[in-house]
N, C-alpha and C. Protein backbone atom coordinates (compact mmCIF):
# COMPACT_ATOMS: atom_id res chain seq x y z
N MET A 1 -17.50 -1.41 -6.73
CA MET A 1 -15.61 -1.07 -7.05
C MET A 1 -16.05 0.41 -6.05
N LYS A 2 -14.89 0.52 -5.54
CA LYS A 2 -14.31 2.13 -5.10
C LYS A 2 -13.08 1.87 -5.65
N ILE A 3 -12.50 2.93 -5.93
CA ILE A 3 -11.34 3.20 -6.70
C ILE A 3 -11.33 5.13 -6.40
N GLN A 4 -10.27 5.22 -5.63
CA GLN A 4 -9.98 7.08 -5.96
C GLN A 4 -8.52 7.73 -6.26
N HIS A 5 -8.96 8.44 -6.44
CA HIS A 5 -7.11 8.63 -6.95
C HIS A 5 -7.16 10.59 -5.36
N ARG A 6 -7.13 10.70 -4.79
CA ARG A 6 -7.32 12.16 -4.49
C ARG A 6 -5.65 12.53 -3.42
N SER A 7 -5.76 13.96 -4.16
CA SER A 7 -4.76 14.21 -3.47
C SER A 7 -4.51 16.46 -3.09
N THR A 8 -4.32 15.76 -1.58
CA THR A 8 -4.43 17.80 -1.06
C THR A 8 -2.98 17.80 -1.58
N ARG A 9 -1.50 17.25 -1.89
CA ARG A 9 -0.29 18.24 -2.28
C ARG A 9 -0.57 18.85 -3.29
N THR A 10 0.30 20.13 -3.22
CA THR A 10 0.55 21.48 -3.34
C THR A 10 1.34 21.40 -4.67
N LEU A 11 2.72 20.19 -4.54
CA LEU A 11 3.54 20.58 -4.83
C LEU A 11 3.64 20.05 -6.58
N ASP A 12 4.05 20.38 -7.86
CA ASP A 12 4.12 20.06 -8.86
C ASP A 12 3.96 18.16 -9.38
N ASP A 13 3.33 17.52 -10.03
CA ASP A 13 3.20 16.33 -10.58
C ASP A 13 4.67 15.74 -10.54
N THR A 14 6.23 16.63 -10.58
CA THR A 14 7.22 15.29 -10.55
C THR A 14 8.02 15.58 -8.65
N THR A 15 7.46 16.29 -8.39
CA THR A 15 7.51 15.93 -7.21
C THR A 15 6.74 15.45 -6.32
N ARG A 16 5.12 14.77 -6.52
CA ARG A 16 4.72 13.90 -5.94
C ARG A 16 4.62 11.81 -5.27
N GLN A 17 4.78 12.43 -4.33
CA GLN A 17 5.32 10.45 -4.20
C GLN A 17 3.82 9.60 -4.52
N THR A 18 3.90 8.72 -5.10
CA THR A 18 2.42 8.17 -4.79
C THR A 18 1.94 6.77 -3.86
N VAL A 19 1.42 6.67 -3.07
CA VAL A 19 0.39 5.71 -2.19
C VAL A 19 -1.11 4.90 -2.62
N LEU A 20 -0.21 3.82 -2.40
CA LEU A 20 -1.54 2.97 -2.84
C LEU A 20 -1.74 2.36 -1.49
N ILE A 21 -3.09 2.53 -1.31
CA ILE A 21 -3.50 1.25 -0.23
C ILE A 21 -5.02 0.77 -0.53
N VAL A 22 -4.54 -0.72 -0.77
CA VAL A 22 -5.47 -1.37 -0.97
C VAL A 22 -5.85 -2.52 -0.05
N ASP A 23 -7.29 -2.62 0.79
CA ASP A 23 -7.79 -3.22 1.66
C ASP A 23 -9.60 -2.80 1.54
N ASP A 24 -10.14 -3.50 1.66
CA ASP A 24 -11.68 -4.27 2.23
C ASP A 24 -12.04 -3.39 3.51
N ASP A 25 -11.47 -2.73 4.03
CA ASP A 25 -11.88 -2.35 5.16
C ASP A 25 -12.15 -0.76 4.97
N PRO A 26 -13.61 -0.06 4.70
CA PRO A 26 -13.87 1.58 4.32
C PRO A 26 -13.17 1.89 5.39
N ASP A 27 -13.09 2.07 6.90
CA ASP A 27 -12.75 1.91 7.94
C ASP A 27 -11.65 2.46 7.11
N ILE A 28 -11.03 2.23 6.94
CA ILE A 28 -9.19 1.40 6.70
C ILE A 28 -8.20 2.19 6.04
N LEU A 29 -9.06 2.30 4.97
CA LEU A 29 -8.77 3.24 3.23
C LEU A 29 -8.85 4.85 3.80
N ASP A 30 -10.90 4.89 4.28
CA ASP A 30 -10.64 6.77 4.64
C ASP A 30 -9.54 7.34 5.88
N SER A 31 -9.05 6.17 6.86
CA SER A 31 -8.70 7.29 7.74
C SER A 31 -6.38 6.91 7.58
N VAL A 32 -6.83 5.76 6.45
CA VAL A 32 -5.35 5.40 5.74
C VAL A 32 -4.24 6.80 4.59
N SER A 33 -6.06 6.95 3.84
CA SER A 33 -5.73 7.87 2.62
C SER A 33 -5.05 9.20 4.33
N PHE A 34 -6.08 10.44 4.71
CA PHE A 34 -6.50 11.18 4.97
C PHE A 34 -5.49 11.33 5.44
N ALA A 35 -4.43 10.05 6.09
CA ALA A 35 -3.53 10.55 7.05
C ALA A 35 -2.53 10.97 5.89
N LEU A 36 -2.14 9.90 4.60
CA LEU A 36 -1.36 10.29 4.18
C LEU A 36 -1.24 11.04 3.53
N GLU A 37 -2.93 11.90 3.06
CA GLU A 37 -2.55 12.68 2.44
C GLU A 37 -2.50 13.89 2.95
N GLN A 38 -2.61 13.98 4.64
CA GLN A 38 -2.24 15.09 4.99
C GLN A 38 -0.96 15.26 5.59
N ALA A 39 0.10 14.44 5.79
CA ALA A 39 1.70 14.21 5.21
C ALA A 39 2.32 14.03 3.51
N GLY A 40 1.69 14.73 2.89
CA GLY A 40 1.28 15.75 1.76
C GLY A 40 1.95 14.41 -0.26
N TYR A 41 1.55 13.27 0.38
CA TYR A 41 1.00 11.97 -0.28
C TYR A 41 -0.22 12.09 -0.96
N SER A 42 0.08 11.93 -2.85
CA SER A 42 -0.70 11.05 -3.18
C SER A 42 -1.54 10.01 -3.11
N VAL A 43 -2.90 10.12 -3.72
CA VAL A 43 -3.26 8.05 -2.70
C VAL A 43 -4.37 8.48 -3.54
N LEU A 44 -3.92 6.53 -3.75
CA LEU A 44 -4.74 5.27 -4.62
C LEU A 44 -5.28 4.71 -3.80
N THR A 45 -6.83 4.86 -3.79
CA THR A 45 -7.41 3.23 -3.73
C THR A 45 -8.41 2.68 -3.85
N ALA A 46 -8.38 1.17 -3.21
CA ALA A 46 -8.95 0.30 -4.07
C ALA A 46 -9.23 -1.06 -2.92
N ASN A 47 -10.76 -1.29 -3.55
CA ASN A 47 -11.16 -2.32 -1.68
C ASN A 47 -11.28 -3.51 -1.88
N ASN A 48 -10.02 -4.08 -3.26
CA ASN A 48 -9.58 -5.35 -3.64
C ASN A 48 -8.30 -6.13 -3.75
N GLY A 49 -7.75 -6.74 -4.26
CA GLY A 49 -6.80 -7.17 -5.49
C GLY A 49 -6.55 -6.52 -6.71
N GLU A 50 -7.49 -7.40 -7.05
CA GLU A 50 -7.70 -7.48 -8.56
C GLU A 50 -7.38 -5.13 -9.24
N ASP A 51 -8.27 -4.52 -8.33
CA ASP A 51 -8.61 -3.42 -8.36
C ASP A 51 -6.84 -2.65 -7.92
N GLY A 52 -6.46 -2.87 -7.55
CA GLY A 52 -4.91 -2.63 -6.98
C GLY A 52 -4.13 -2.93 -7.52
N LEU A 53 -4.15 -3.60 -8.33
CA LEU A 53 -3.34 -3.99 -9.38
C LEU A 53 -3.55 -3.73 -9.94
N ARG A 54 -4.39 -3.45 -10.78
CA ARG A 54 -4.35 -2.59 -12.04
C ARG A 54 -4.08 -1.03 -11.19
N LEU A 55 -4.51 -0.75 -10.80
CA LEU A 55 -4.34 0.65 -9.98
C LEU A 55 -2.98 0.78 -9.87
N ALA A 56 -1.81 -0.41 -9.78
CA ALA A 56 -0.38 -0.09 -9.19
C ALA A 56 -0.18 -0.40 -11.31
N LYS A 57 -0.42 -1.44 -11.88
CA LYS A 57 -0.32 -0.95 -13.27
C LYS A 57 -0.07 0.44 -13.99
N GLN A 58 -1.44 0.54 -13.51
CA GLN A 58 -1.09 1.99 -14.17
C GLN A 58 -0.56 3.23 -13.89
N HIS A 59 -0.65 3.42 -12.49
CA HIS A 59 0.06 4.24 -11.72
C HIS A 59 1.53 3.98 -10.86
N GLN A 60 2.07 2.97 -11.45
CA GLN A 60 3.32 2.92 -10.28
C GLN A 60 3.65 3.76 -9.51
N PRO A 61 3.33 3.31 -8.76
CA PRO A 61 3.12 4.07 -7.53
C PRO A 61 4.43 4.31 -6.79
N SER A 62 4.53 4.65 -5.67
CA SER A 62 6.14 4.32 -5.11
C SER A 62 6.27 3.90 -4.00
N LEU A 63 4.91 3.81 -3.11
CA LEU A 63 4.77 2.62 -1.77
C LEU A 63 3.33 2.39 -2.20
N ALA A 64 2.97 0.70 -1.56
CA ALA A 64 2.25 1.00 -1.49
C ALA A 64 1.35 -0.28 -0.72
N ILE A 65 0.49 0.18 0.00
CA ILE A 65 0.39 -0.77 0.99
C ILE A 65 -0.94 -1.66 1.00
N LEU A 66 -0.56 -3.65 1.68
CA LEU A 66 -1.29 -4.09 0.77
C LEU A 66 -2.36 -4.42 2.20
N ASP A 67 -3.69 -5.27 2.31
CA ASP A 67 -3.86 -6.00 3.10
C ASP A 67 -3.75 -7.68 2.57
N MET A 68 -4.10 -8.53 3.47
CA MET A 68 -3.36 -9.84 3.71
C MET A 68 -4.29 -10.44 2.71
N MET A 69 -5.46 -10.50 4.07
CA MET A 69 -6.56 -11.22 2.42
C MET A 69 -7.49 -9.73 2.44
N MET A 70 -8.62 -10.21 1.17
CA MET A 70 -9.37 -9.76 0.27
C MET A 70 -9.56 -10.32 -0.24
N PRO A 71 -10.59 -9.71 -0.91
CA PRO A 71 -11.71 -9.95 -2.52
C PRO A 71 -11.17 -9.90 -2.95
N LYS A 72 -11.08 -11.20 -4.36
CA LYS A 72 -11.32 -10.79 -5.63
C LYS A 72 -9.39 -11.35 -6.05
N ARG A 73 -8.42 -11.27 -4.68
CA ARG A 73 -7.33 -11.65 -5.49
C ARG A 73 -6.16 -11.03 -3.40
N SER A 74 -5.85 -11.98 -3.17
CA SER A 74 -5.15 -11.65 -1.54
C SER A 74 -3.72 -10.44 -1.99
N GLY A 75 -3.50 -9.75 -0.58
CA GLY A 75 -2.38 -9.04 -1.16
C GLY A 75 -1.05 -10.26 -1.54
N PHE A 76 -1.53 -10.90 -1.27
CA PHE A 76 0.13 -12.44 -1.29
C PHE A 76 0.06 -11.68 -3.59
N LEU A 77 -0.72 -12.07 -3.56
CA LEU A 77 -0.76 -12.77 -5.34
C LEU A 77 -0.59 -10.96 -5.55
N VAL A 78 -2.03 -10.53 -5.43
CA VAL A 78 -0.95 -8.72 -5.41
C VAL A 78 0.49 -8.11 -5.48
N ILE A 79 1.36 -8.80 -4.54
CA ILE A 79 2.65 -9.15 -4.04
C ILE A 79 3.26 -9.81 -5.55
N GLU A 80 3.44 -10.64 -5.56
CA GLU A 80 4.11 -11.86 -6.61
C GLU A 80 3.76 -11.31 -8.80
N ALA A 81 2.63 -10.37 -8.49
CA ALA A 81 2.81 -10.47 -9.75
C ALA A 81 3.76 -9.09 -10.11
N LEU A 82 3.19 -8.34 -8.96
CA LEU A 82 4.05 -7.05 -8.74
C LEU A 82 5.51 -6.91 -9.16
N ARG A 83 5.76 -7.85 -8.72
CA ARG A 83 7.37 -8.93 -8.28
C ARG A 83 7.08 -8.73 -9.78
N GLU A 84 6.59 -9.51 -10.40
CA GLU A 84 7.31 -10.74 -11.83
C GLU A 84 5.97 -9.21 -12.32
N GLU A 85 6.24 -8.08 -12.77
CA GLU A 85 5.16 -7.36 -13.31
C GLU A 85 6.52 -5.99 -13.77
N TYR A 86 7.68 -5.47 -12.23
CA TYR A 86 8.34 -4.76 -12.24
C TYR A 86 10.02 -4.99 -12.31
N SER A 87 11.07 -4.94 -13.34
CA SER A 87 11.89 -4.70 -13.28
C SER A 87 12.92 -3.85 -11.75
N GLU A 88 11.82 -2.88 -11.37
CA GLU A 88 12.00 -1.65 -10.43
C GLU A 88 11.21 -2.47 -9.43
N PRO A 89 11.70 -1.90 -8.17
CA PRO A 89 10.99 -3.22 -7.24
C PRO A 89 10.24 -1.77 -6.18
N ILE A 90 8.80 -1.92 -6.44
CA ILE A 90 8.14 -0.83 -5.84
C ILE A 90 8.46 -1.06 -4.40
N HIS A 91 8.61 -0.03 -2.79
CA HIS A 91 8.24 -0.70 -1.29
C HIS A 91 6.67 -0.52 -1.34
N LEU A 92 6.90 -2.05 -0.14
CA LEU A 92 5.16 -2.36 0.37
C LEU A 92 5.73 -3.05 1.56
N ILE A 93 4.17 -2.41 1.99
CA ILE A 93 3.97 -2.55 3.92
C ILE A 93 2.68 -4.01 3.26
N MET A 94 2.84 -4.27 4.48
CA MET A 94 1.52 -5.34 4.58
C MET A 94 1.74 -5.36 5.54
N MET A 95 -0.42 -4.70 5.96
CA MET A 95 -0.61 -5.05 6.93
C MET A 95 -2.17 -6.02 7.11
N THR A 96 -2.25 -6.47 8.12
CA THR A 96 -2.86 -7.81 8.42
C THR A 96 -3.32 -7.89 9.75
N ALA A 97 -4.41 -8.25 10.24
CA ALA A 97 -5.01 -9.48 11.45
C ALA A 97 -4.43 -10.27 12.19
N ASN A 98 -3.30 -10.87 10.87
CA ASN A 98 -3.63 -11.78 11.04
C ASN A 98 -2.42 -12.33 11.46
N GLN A 99 -1.85 -13.05 12.37
CA GLN A 99 -0.57 -13.22 13.80
C GLN A 99 0.69 -14.58 13.51
N GLY A 100 0.71 -14.64 12.33
CA GLY A 100 0.72 -15.96 11.85
C GLY A 100 2.15 -15.91 11.07
N ASN A 101 2.96 -16.59 11.78
CA ASN A 101 4.70 -16.66 11.60
C ASN A 101 5.11 -17.23 10.62
N ARG A 102 3.98 -17.49 10.33
CA ARG A 102 4.17 -18.15 8.62
C ARG A 102 3.18 -17.35 7.40
N HIS A 103 2.84 -16.39 7.72
CA HIS A 103 2.58 -15.33 6.72
C HIS A 103 3.70 -14.18 6.84
N GLN A 104 3.40 -13.94 7.80
CA GLN A 104 5.08 -13.24 7.76
C GLN A 104 6.93 -13.37 7.34
N SER A 105 6.43 -14.84 7.37
CA SER A 105 7.75 -15.29 6.79
C SER A 105 7.55 -14.91 4.96
N TYR A 106 6.74 -14.76 4.74
CA TYR A 106 6.55 -15.79 3.62
C TYR A 106 6.24 -13.95 2.63
N ALA A 107 5.85 -12.82 3.62
CA ALA A 107 6.04 -11.81 2.97
C ALA A 107 7.17 -11.34 2.86
N GLU A 108 7.73 -11.26 3.74
CA GLU A 108 9.30 -11.27 3.97
C GLU A 108 10.53 -11.92 2.80
N LEU A 109 9.80 -13.04 2.39
CA LEU A 109 10.61 -13.58 1.29
C LEU A 109 10.21 -12.58 0.07
N LEU A 110 8.47 -12.27 -0.06
CA LEU A 110 8.25 -11.98 -1.32
C LEU A 110 8.84 -10.34 -1.14
N GLY A 111 10.01 -9.92 -0.08
CA GLY A 111 10.29 -8.76 0.03
C GLY A 111 9.35 -7.18 0.37
N VAL A 112 9.16 -8.09 0.94
CA VAL A 112 7.55 -6.46 1.52
C VAL A 112 9.19 -5.77 2.58
N ALA A 113 8.42 -4.59 2.51
CA ALA A 113 9.22 -3.98 3.52
C ALA A 113 8.69 -3.71 4.94
N ASP A 114 7.98 -4.25 5.73
CA ASP A 114 7.17 -4.22 6.97
C ASP A 114 6.06 -5.23 6.69
N TYR A 115 5.82 -5.76 7.60
CA TYR A 115 5.04 -6.30 7.73
C TYR A 115 3.88 -6.26 8.87
N ILE A 116 2.65 -5.92 9.06
CA ILE A 116 2.41 -4.61 10.15
C ILE A 116 0.73 -5.57 10.56
N HIS A 117 0.71 -5.60 11.95
CA HIS A 117 -0.37 -5.79 12.38
C HIS A 117 -0.92 -5.06 12.69
N LYS A 118 -2.63 -5.17 12.30
CA LYS A 118 -3.62 -4.12 12.75
C LYS A 118 -3.80 -4.93 14.39
N PRO A 119 -4.47 -3.80 15.28
CA PRO A 119 -4.73 -2.23 14.30
C PRO A 119 -3.41 -2.01 14.83
N VAL A 120 -3.39 -0.81 14.08
CA VAL A 120 -1.81 0.57 13.72
C VAL A 120 -1.97 2.25 13.78
N ALA A 121 -1.08 2.58 14.03
CA ALA A 121 -1.61 3.26 15.22
C ALA A 121 -1.36 4.09 14.35
N ILE A 122 -2.30 5.11 13.66
CA ILE A 122 -1.97 6.21 12.11
C ILE A 122 -0.68 7.04 11.99
N ASN A 123 -0.03 6.96 12.84
CA ASN A 123 0.69 8.04 13.57
C ASN A 123 2.43 6.98 13.04
N THR A 124 2.55 6.03 13.39
CA THR A 124 3.26 5.18 12.50
C THR A 124 3.15 4.76 11.55
N LEU A 125 2.65 4.42 10.89
CA LEU A 125 2.46 4.31 9.54
C LEU A 125 2.60 4.99 8.41
N VAL A 126 2.46 6.46 9.16
CA VAL A 126 2.81 7.52 7.66
C VAL A 126 4.73 7.38 8.81
N GLU A 127 4.79 7.69 8.98
CA GLU A 127 6.22 7.20 9.82
C GLU A 127 7.10 6.33 9.03
N ARG A 128 6.49 5.42 9.25
CA ARG A 128 7.39 4.25 7.90
C ARG A 128 6.93 4.64 6.54
N VAL A 129 6.03 4.77 6.53
CA VAL A 129 5.63 5.11 4.47
C VAL A 129 7.27 6.11 5.02
N ASN A 130 7.18 7.84 5.01
CA ASN A 130 8.03 8.84 5.24
C ASN A 130 9.05 7.74 5.08
N GLU A 131 9.89 7.39 6.35
CA GLU A 131 11.52 6.12 6.24
C GLU A 131 11.50 5.46 4.55
N LEU A 132 10.72 5.11 4.69
CA LEU A 132 10.83 3.68 3.38
C LEU A 132 10.51 5.80 1.91
N LEU A 133 9.73 6.00 2.04
CA LEU A 133 10.16 7.18 0.16
C LEU A 133 11.17 7.84 0.72
N SER A 134 11.78 8.13 1.40
CA SER A 134 12.75 9.10 2.43
C SER A 134 13.76 8.38 1.69
N GLN A 135 13.75 6.50 1.40
CA GLN A 135 15.46 5.83 1.50
C GLN A 135 15.66 6.13 -0.36
N ASN A 136 14.87 7.23 -1.68
CA ASN A 136 15.10 6.62 -2.96
C ASN A 136 15.42 7.61 -2.74
């Protein structure tokens, strides 16, 4: 189990926004984490859905980026649990290699803010995170 909580931000904790990344691909976790940290976010990572859900409950991130297919609990099941748990919705981005419209439709039904196909340009993902979190 790999869980990390890292931040390079110099702002105090009251202004820091936290992003949770849940993906079973360590390269994606590392590259997306690095890019978001450089953009000034506090980043939490988990490599499976169970750990991701636990971190979300403990830290209540501003935004979560979830892989659709992961060990222990899929991105869909994590989103369903988060929607049941919180009255204040968390911003969600689903990132997946799956190209099916049915999955995208279900993600939209669950209220994801964006459904991004892998591979994704990291700068595009960071821009989307910035857009969503600037709405708060």
